[in-house]
């Protein structure tokens, strides 16, 4: 969670506040981290969870390319899933689903 939230802050304009939403359901919990930042090029989304991968539009931002890969690994270790939707120049939304 800390990686997804810190990324949402890092890649967002200063005047835009990322959103964290938690929805509790009978059989699962859904957590969304959404920003209105730079977004991720569509053709690069498939690589986002690979270790050391950094999108082509983040060169001016510091980072190792490990955060989302580690987040995915931990989430899957506890039986959850993570998905991402993004539009270049409009923002990114990560959704985590955990079984209760």
N, C-alpha and C. Protein backbone atom coordinates (compact mmCIF):
# COMPACT_ATOMS: atom_id res chain seq x y z
N UNK A 1 0.83 -1.20 0.00
CA UNK A 1 0.00 0.00 0.00
C UNK A 1 0.87 1.26 0.00
N UNK A 2 1.92 1.24 0.81
CA UNK A 2 2.74 2.45 0.88
C UNK A 2 3.38 2.77 -0.46
N UNK A 3 3.79 1.76 -1.23
CA UNK A 3 4.37 2.02 -2.54
C UNK A 3 3.34 2.60 -3.49
N UNK A 4 2.15 2.04 -3.52
CA UNK A 4 1.12 2.53 -4.43
C UNK A 4 0.71 3.95 -4.08
N UNK A 5 0.59 4.24 -2.80
CA UNK A 5 0.22 5.59 -2.38
C UNK A 5 1.35 6.58 -2.65
N UNK A 6 2.58 6.19 -2.35
CA UNK A 6 3.69 7.12 -2.60
C UNK A 6 3.86 7.37 -4.10
N UNK A 7 3.64 6.35 -4.94
CA UNK A 7 3.69 6.56 -6.38
C UNK A 7 2.58 7.51 -6.84
N UNK A 8 1.39 7.34 -6.29
CA UNK A 8 0.27 8.21 -6.66
C UNK A 8 0.60 9.67 -6.33
N UNK A 9 1.25 9.88 -5.21
CA UNK A 9 1.65 11.23 -4.82
C UNK A 9 2.77 11.73 -5.72
N UNK A 10 3.77 10.89 -5.94
CA UNK A 10 4.95 11.29 -6.72
C UNK A 10 4.60 11.67 -8.16
N UNK A 11 3.70 10.93 -8.79
CA UNK A 11 3.40 11.15 -10.20
C UNK A 11 2.20 12.07 -10.44
N UNK A 12 1.67 12.67 -9.38
CA UNK A 12 0.54 13.58 -9.50
C UNK A 12 0.99 15.03 -9.43
N UNK A 13 0.27 15.91 -10.09
CA UNK A 13 0.57 17.35 -9.93
C UNK A 13 0.32 17.75 -8.48
N UNK A 14 1.01 18.79 -8.04
CA UNK A 14 0.89 19.22 -6.64
C UNK A 14 -0.52 19.60 -6.25
N UNK A 15 -1.34 20.06 -7.19
CA UNK A 15 -2.69 20.50 -6.87
C UNK A 15 -3.72 19.38 -6.95
N UNK A 16 -3.29 18.15 -7.19
CA UNK A 16 -4.20 17.00 -7.28
C UNK A 16 -3.89 16.02 -6.16
N UNK A 17 -4.89 15.65 -5.40
CA UNK A 17 -4.72 14.73 -4.29
C UNK A 17 -5.17 13.33 -4.68
N UNK A 18 -4.30 12.33 -4.54
CA UNK A 18 -4.72 10.96 -4.85
C UNK A 18 -5.85 10.51 -3.92
N UNK A 19 -6.58 9.51 -4.38
CA UNK A 19 -7.71 8.97 -3.65
C UNK A 19 -7.40 7.53 -3.25
N UNK A 20 -7.67 7.20 -1.99
CA UNK A 20 -7.59 5.81 -1.52
C UNK A 20 -8.98 5.44 -1.04
N UNK A 21 -9.50 4.36 -1.60
CA UNK A 21 -10.87 3.93 -1.29
C UNK A 21 -10.84 2.46 -0.87
N UNK A 22 -11.54 2.14 0.22
CA UNK A 22 -11.62 0.76 0.70
C UNK A 22 -13.09 0.37 0.75
N UNK A 23 -13.41 -0.73 0.09
CA UNK A 23 -14.78 -1.24 0.09
C UNK A 23 -14.79 -2.64 0.69
N UNK A 24 -15.56 -2.80 1.75
CA UNK A 24 -15.69 -4.10 2.39
C UNK A 24 -16.92 -4.80 1.85
N UNK A 25 -16.73 -6.00 1.37
CA UNK A 25 -17.83 -6.81 0.86
C UNK A 25 -17.95 -8.05 1.73
N UNK A 26 -18.98 -8.86 1.50
CA UNK A 26 -19.16 -10.07 2.30
C UNK A 26 -17.97 -11.03 2.19
N UNK A 27 -17.47 -11.20 0.98
CA UNK A 27 -16.43 -12.21 0.76
C UNK A 27 -15.06 -11.63 0.40
N UNK A 28 -14.97 -10.31 0.26
CA UNK A 28 -13.69 -9.72 -0.14
C UNK A 28 -13.60 -8.25 0.29
N UNK A 29 -12.39 -7.75 0.22
CA UNK A 29 -12.13 -6.34 0.46
C UNK A 29 -11.45 -5.79 -0.79
N UNK A 30 -11.90 -4.65 -1.26
CA UNK A 30 -11.33 -4.02 -2.44
C UNK A 30 -10.72 -2.69 -2.05
N UNK A 31 -9.48 -2.50 -2.44
CA UNK A 31 -8.76 -1.26 -2.13
C UNK A 31 -8.36 -0.63 -3.45
N UNK A 32 -8.70 0.63 -3.64
CA UNK A 32 -8.33 1.35 -4.85
C UNK A 32 -7.43 2.53 -4.49
N UNK A 33 -6.38 2.70 -5.27
CA UNK A 33 -5.51 3.86 -5.16
C UNK A 33 -5.56 4.52 -6.53
N UNK A 34 -6.05 5.74 -6.57
CA UNK A 34 -6.29 6.44 -7.83
C UNK A 34 -5.64 7.82 -7.81
N UNK A 35 -5.04 8.18 -8.93
CA UNK A 35 -4.46 9.52 -9.03
C UNK A 35 -4.85 10.15 -10.36
N UNK A 36 -4.59 11.44 -10.47
CA UNK A 36 -4.82 12.18 -11.70
C UNK A 36 -3.48 12.65 -12.26
N UNK A 37 -2.50 11.75 -12.21
CA UNK A 37 -1.13 12.08 -12.58
C UNK A 37 -0.82 11.87 -14.04
N UNK A 38 0.44 11.54 -14.30
CA UNK A 38 0.95 11.47 -15.67
C UNK A 38 0.45 10.26 -16.44
N UNK A 39 -0.01 9.24 -15.73
CA UNK A 39 -0.50 8.04 -16.40
C UNK A 39 0.63 7.19 -16.95
N UNK A 40 0.27 6.02 -17.45
CA UNK A 40 1.22 5.05 -17.98
C UNK A 40 0.82 4.76 -19.42
N UNK A 41 1.78 4.81 -20.34
CA UNK A 41 1.43 4.48 -21.73
C UNK A 41 0.78 3.10 -21.83
N UNK A 42 -0.32 3.00 -22.58
CA UNK A 42 -1.10 1.77 -22.66
C UNK A 42 -0.26 0.56 -23.06
N UNK A 43 0.64 0.74 -24.01
CA UNK A 43 1.44 -0.39 -24.49
C UNK A 43 2.47 -0.85 -23.45
N UNK A 44 2.64 -0.10 -22.37
CA UNK A 44 3.61 -0.46 -21.34
C UNK A 44 2.96 -1.07 -20.10
N UNK A 45 1.65 -1.02 -20.00
CA UNK A 45 0.96 -1.56 -18.82
C UNK A 45 1.27 -3.02 -18.58
N UNK A 46 1.44 -3.80 -19.64
CA UNK A 46 1.69 -5.23 -19.49
C UNK A 46 3.02 -5.52 -18.78
N UNK A 47 3.92 -4.56 -18.73
CA UNK A 47 5.23 -4.75 -18.11
C UNK A 47 5.32 -4.15 -16.71
N UNK A 48 4.29 -3.49 -16.27
CA UNK A 48 4.35 -2.68 -15.06
C UNK A 48 4.74 -3.46 -13.81
N UNK A 49 4.37 -4.73 -13.73
CA UNK A 49 4.66 -5.52 -12.53
C UNK A 49 5.94 -6.34 -12.66
N UNK A 50 6.72 -6.10 -13.70
CA UNK A 50 8.00 -6.79 -13.88
C UNK A 50 9.07 -6.06 -13.07
N UNK A 51 9.95 -6.82 -12.38
CA UNK A 51 11.02 -6.18 -11.61
C UNK A 51 11.90 -5.29 -12.49
N UNK A 52 12.23 -4.14 -11.97
CA UNK A 52 13.10 -3.14 -12.58
C UNK A 52 12.50 -2.43 -13.79
N UNK A 53 11.24 -2.70 -14.09
CA UNK A 53 10.61 -2.02 -15.22
C UNK A 53 10.16 -0.63 -14.80
N UNK A 54 10.47 0.36 -15.61
CA UNK A 54 10.00 1.72 -15.40
C UNK A 54 9.44 2.21 -16.72
N UNK A 55 8.28 2.81 -16.67
CA UNK A 55 7.64 3.32 -17.88
C UNK A 55 8.52 4.39 -18.52
N UNK A 56 8.35 4.56 -19.81
CA UNK A 56 9.19 5.48 -20.57
C UNK A 56 8.98 6.95 -20.21
N UNK A 57 7.86 7.28 -19.58
CA UNK A 57 7.58 8.68 -19.27
C UNK A 57 7.93 9.08 -17.83
N UNK A 58 8.73 8.26 -17.12
CA UNK A 58 9.07 8.58 -15.73
C UNK A 58 10.56 8.84 -15.53
N UNK A 59 11.26 9.08 -16.58
CA UNK A 59 12.72 9.23 -16.48
C UNK A 59 13.14 10.36 -15.54
N UNK A 60 12.34 11.40 -15.43
CA UNK A 60 12.70 12.53 -14.56
C UNK A 60 12.35 12.28 -13.09
N UNK A 61 11.73 11.15 -12.78
CA UNK A 61 11.37 10.80 -11.42
C UNK A 61 12.31 9.70 -10.92
N UNK A 62 12.73 9.78 -9.68
CA UNK A 62 13.60 8.74 -9.13
C UNK A 62 12.79 7.48 -8.83
N UNK A 63 13.47 6.34 -8.86
CA UNK A 63 12.83 5.07 -8.56
C UNK A 63 13.65 3.91 -9.08
N UNK A 64 13.34 2.71 -8.57
CA UNK A 64 14.10 1.52 -8.96
C UNK A 64 13.34 0.61 -9.91
N UNK A 65 12.02 0.77 -9.98
CA UNK A 65 11.23 -0.14 -10.79
C UNK A 65 10.89 -1.42 -10.06
N UNK A 66 11.05 -1.41 -8.75
CA UNK A 66 10.75 -2.62 -7.96
C UNK A 66 9.44 -2.54 -7.19
N UNK A 67 8.94 -1.35 -6.94
CA UNK A 67 7.79 -1.18 -6.05
C UNK A 67 6.55 -1.95 -6.45
N UNK A 68 6.11 -1.81 -7.70
CA UNK A 68 4.89 -2.51 -8.10
C UNK A 68 5.11 -4.01 -8.19
N UNK A 69 6.32 -4.44 -8.56
CA UNK A 69 6.61 -5.87 -8.62
C UNK A 69 6.55 -6.49 -7.22
N UNK A 70 7.10 -5.80 -6.25
CA UNK A 70 7.07 -6.28 -4.86
C UNK A 70 5.64 -6.26 -4.32
N UNK A 71 4.91 -5.19 -4.60
CA UNK A 71 3.52 -5.11 -4.15
C UNK A 71 2.71 -6.28 -4.70
N UNK A 72 2.85 -6.57 -5.97
CA UNK A 72 2.12 -7.68 -6.59
C UNK A 72 2.49 -9.00 -5.94
N UNK A 73 3.77 -9.21 -5.70
CA UNK A 73 4.24 -10.46 -5.08
C UNK A 73 3.61 -10.64 -3.70
N UNK A 74 3.63 -9.62 -2.88
CA UNK A 74 3.04 -9.70 -1.53
C UNK A 74 1.53 -9.93 -1.59
N UNK A 75 0.87 -9.21 -2.46
CA UNK A 75 -0.59 -9.35 -2.56
C UNK A 75 -0.96 -10.76 -3.00
N UNK A 76 -0.24 -11.30 -3.96
CA UNK A 76 -0.54 -12.66 -4.42
C UNK A 76 -0.17 -13.71 -3.37
N UNK A 77 0.85 -13.45 -2.56
CA UNK A 77 1.22 -14.38 -1.49
C UNK A 77 0.10 -14.56 -0.47
N UNK A 78 -0.72 -13.53 -0.28
CA UNK A 78 -1.82 -13.63 0.68
C UNK A 78 -3.15 -13.94 -0.03
N UNK A 79 -3.06 -14.36 -1.28
CA UNK A 79 -4.24 -14.79 -2.01
C UNK A 79 -5.03 -13.70 -2.70
N UNK A 80 -4.45 -12.52 -2.82
CA UNK A 80 -5.15 -11.41 -3.45
C UNK A 80 -4.73 -11.21 -4.90
N UNK A 81 -5.34 -10.20 -5.49
CA UNK A 81 -4.99 -9.81 -6.87
C UNK A 81 -4.80 -8.31 -6.92
N UNK A 82 -4.05 -7.88 -7.92
CA UNK A 82 -3.87 -6.45 -8.16
C UNK A 82 -4.00 -6.22 -9.67
N UNK A 83 -4.70 -5.16 -10.01
CA UNK A 83 -4.84 -4.79 -11.41
C UNK A 83 -4.62 -3.29 -11.55
N UNK A 84 -4.39 -2.86 -12.78
CA UNK A 84 -4.12 -1.44 -13.02
C UNK A 84 -4.85 -1.00 -14.27
N UNK A 85 -5.37 0.22 -14.21
CA UNK A 85 -5.94 0.90 -15.38
C UNK A 85 -5.26 2.26 -15.43
N UNK A 86 -4.94 2.70 -16.62
CA UNK A 86 -4.28 3.98 -16.72
C UNK A 86 -4.54 4.61 -18.07
N UNK A 87 -4.54 5.92 -18.07
CA UNK A 87 -4.67 6.69 -19.30
C UNK A 87 -3.60 7.76 -19.27
N UNK A 88 -2.78 7.77 -20.29
CA UNK A 88 -1.68 8.71 -20.37
C UNK A 88 -2.19 10.15 -20.22
N UNK A 89 -1.59 10.88 -19.29
CA UNK A 89 -1.95 12.26 -19.05
C UNK A 89 -3.18 12.46 -18.20
N UNK A 90 -3.86 11.39 -17.82
CA UNK A 90 -5.09 11.51 -17.03
C UNK A 90 -5.04 10.82 -15.69
N UNK A 91 -4.15 9.85 -15.52
CA UNK A 91 -4.03 9.21 -14.22
C UNK A 91 -4.04 7.70 -14.27
N UNK A 92 -3.91 7.12 -13.08
CA UNK A 92 -3.78 5.68 -12.92
C UNK A 92 -4.61 5.22 -11.74
N UNK A 93 -5.17 4.02 -11.85
CA UNK A 93 -5.94 3.41 -10.76
C UNK A 93 -5.46 1.98 -10.56
N UNK A 94 -5.01 1.69 -9.35
CA UNK A 94 -4.67 0.33 -8.95
C UNK A 94 -5.82 -0.20 -8.11
N UNK A 95 -6.20 -1.45 -8.36
CA UNK A 95 -7.25 -2.09 -7.57
C UNK A 95 -6.69 -3.38 -6.98
N UNK A 96 -6.80 -3.49 -5.67
CA UNK A 96 -6.36 -4.69 -4.95
C UNK A 96 -7.62 -5.38 -4.44
N UNK A 97 -7.70 -6.68 -4.65
CA UNK A 97 -8.82 -7.48 -4.11
C UNK A 97 -8.26 -8.55 -3.20
N UNK A 98 -8.75 -8.57 -1.98
CA UNK A 98 -8.33 -9.55 -0.98
C UNK A 98 -9.54 -10.34 -0.53
N UNK A 99 -9.39 -11.66 -0.45
CA UNK A 99 -10.46 -12.49 0.06
C UNK A 99 -10.54 -12.35 1.57
N UNK A 100 -11.76 -12.28 2.09
CA UNK A 100 -11.94 -12.18 3.55
C UNK A 100 -11.87 -13.54 4.19
